[in-house]
Amino acid sequence: MSNTKNYFAHGGNELVIGGKLTFLPGATVEGGEGLFDLPAGNPVTALPFLADSEATTVAGLREDYNRLLAALRTAGLMAQEAGDP
């Protein structure tokens, strides 16, 4: 057993990072194309504007929260139904 947090495993085919990974200025990453892309079919550029909540009751806050959840679902950033991927 090793106490090293970052190590190569599986004959060097896998790099395990258990500690902090720091990129210094000028560093590059190769082969990361699409790594941070949104799922296919979700060309989201911006969510719709939602005004700051001015709710003064729990019921009003609930309505504002549900509007936020609906915006996230409509934008494709949250599953439409429980259990959806």
Protein backbone atom coordinates (compact mmCIF):
# COMPACT_ATOMS: atom_id res chain seq x y z
CA MET A 1 0.00 0.00 0.00
CA SER A 2 1.27 3.45 -0.89
CA ASN A 3 0.66 6.75 0.86
CA THR A 4 1.09 8.64 -2.42
CA LYS A 5 -2.07 10.49 -3.43
CA ASN A 6 -1.10 10.79 -7.12
CA TYR A 7 0.15 7.66 -8.87
CA PHE A 8 0.13 5.61 -12.04
CA ALA A 9 -1.95 2.41 -12.00
CA HIS A 10 -2.71 -0.45 -14.37
CA GLY A 11 0.78 -0.62 -15.81
CA GLY A 12 0.93 3.14 -16.31
CA ASN A 13 -2.31 3.31 -18.31
CA GLU A 14 -4.15 5.26 -15.62
CA LEU A 15 -3.06 8.33 -13.66
CA VAL A 16 -4.90 8.59 -10.36
CA ILE A 17 -5.13 12.08 -8.86
CA GLY A 18 -6.00 12.05 -5.19
CA GLY A 19 -4.32 15.31 -4.36
CA LYS A 20 -4.36 18.77 -5.89
CA LEU A 21 -3.70 19.19 -9.61
CA THR A 22 -2.20 22.58 -10.46
CA PHE A 23 -1.70 23.99 -13.95
CA LEU A 24 1.04 26.60 -14.16
CA PRO A 25 0.92 29.52 -16.64
CA GLY A 26 1.71 28.29 -20.13
CA ALA A 27 0.64 24.70 -19.42
CA THR A 28 -1.34 22.92 -22.12
CA VAL A 29 -3.70 19.97 -22.08
CA GLU A 30 -3.80 17.69 -25.11
CA GLY A 31 -6.68 15.42 -26.05
CA GLY A 32 -9.29 17.29 -24.03
CA GLU A 33 -11.46 18.25 -26.98
CA GLY A 34 -15.11 18.09 -25.94
CA LEU A 35 -14.24 17.48 -22.31
CA PHE A 36 -16.41 20.35 -21.09
CA ASP A 37 -19.04 20.31 -23.85
CA LEU A 38 -22.71 20.14 -22.91
CA PRO A 39 -24.58 16.96 -23.88
CA ALA A 40 -25.59 16.72 -27.54
CA GLY A 41 -28.81 18.53 -28.41
CA ASN A 42 -28.41 21.17 -25.69
CA PRO A 43 -26.98 24.26 -27.39
CA VAL A 44 -27.32 26.46 -24.30
CA THR A 45 -25.68 29.85 -24.47
CA ALA A 46 -27.44 31.51 -21.55
CA LEU A 47 -30.29 30.82 -19.21
CA PRO A 48 -33.27 33.16 -19.31
CA PHE A 49 -33.16 36.13 -16.97
CA LEU A 50 -34.80 35.53 -13.60
CA ALA A 51 -35.23 38.51 -11.33
CA ASP A 52 -33.93 38.33 -7.78
CA SER A 53 -36.49 36.96 -5.40
CA GLU A 54 -38.46 39.53 -3.48
CA ALA A 55 -40.50 36.90 -1.67
CA THR A 56 -41.61 37.80 1.81
CA THR A 57 -43.25 34.46 2.58
CA VAL A 58 -42.16 30.86 2.36
CA ALA A 59 -44.87 30.27 -0.26
CA GLY A 60 -43.49 33.10 -2.40
CA LEU A 61 -39.96 31.77 -2.06
CA ARG A 62 -41.21 28.34 -3.11
CA GLU A 63 -42.72 29.84 -6.29
CA ASP A 64 -39.43 31.60 -7.12
CA TYR A 65 -37.47 28.40 -6.49
CA ASN A 66 -39.78 26.39 -8.73
CA ARG A 67 -39.32 28.99 -11.52
CA LEU A 68 -35.56 28.51 -11.20
CA LEU A 69 -35.92 24.72 -11.41
CA ALA A 70 -38.16 25.07 -14.47
CA ALA A 71 -35.56 27.31 -16.18
CA LEU A 72 -32.82 24.74 -15.50
CA ARG A 73 -34.97 21.93 -16.93
CA THR A 74 -35.98 23.96 -20.01
CA ALA A 75 -32.33 24.80 -20.69
CA GLY A 76 -31.43 21.09 -20.54
CA LEU A 77 -29.21 21.51 -17.50
CA MET A 78 -31.42 19.31 -15.31
CA ALA A 79 -33.36 16.13 -16.09
CA GLN A 80 -37.07 16.61 -16.82
CA GLU A 81 -38.20 13.79 -14.55
CA ALA A 82 -36.83 11.95 -11.52
CA GLY A 83 -34.75 9.00 -12.67
CA ASP A 84 -33.93 10.54 -16.08
CA PRO A 85 -30.24 10.60 -16.94
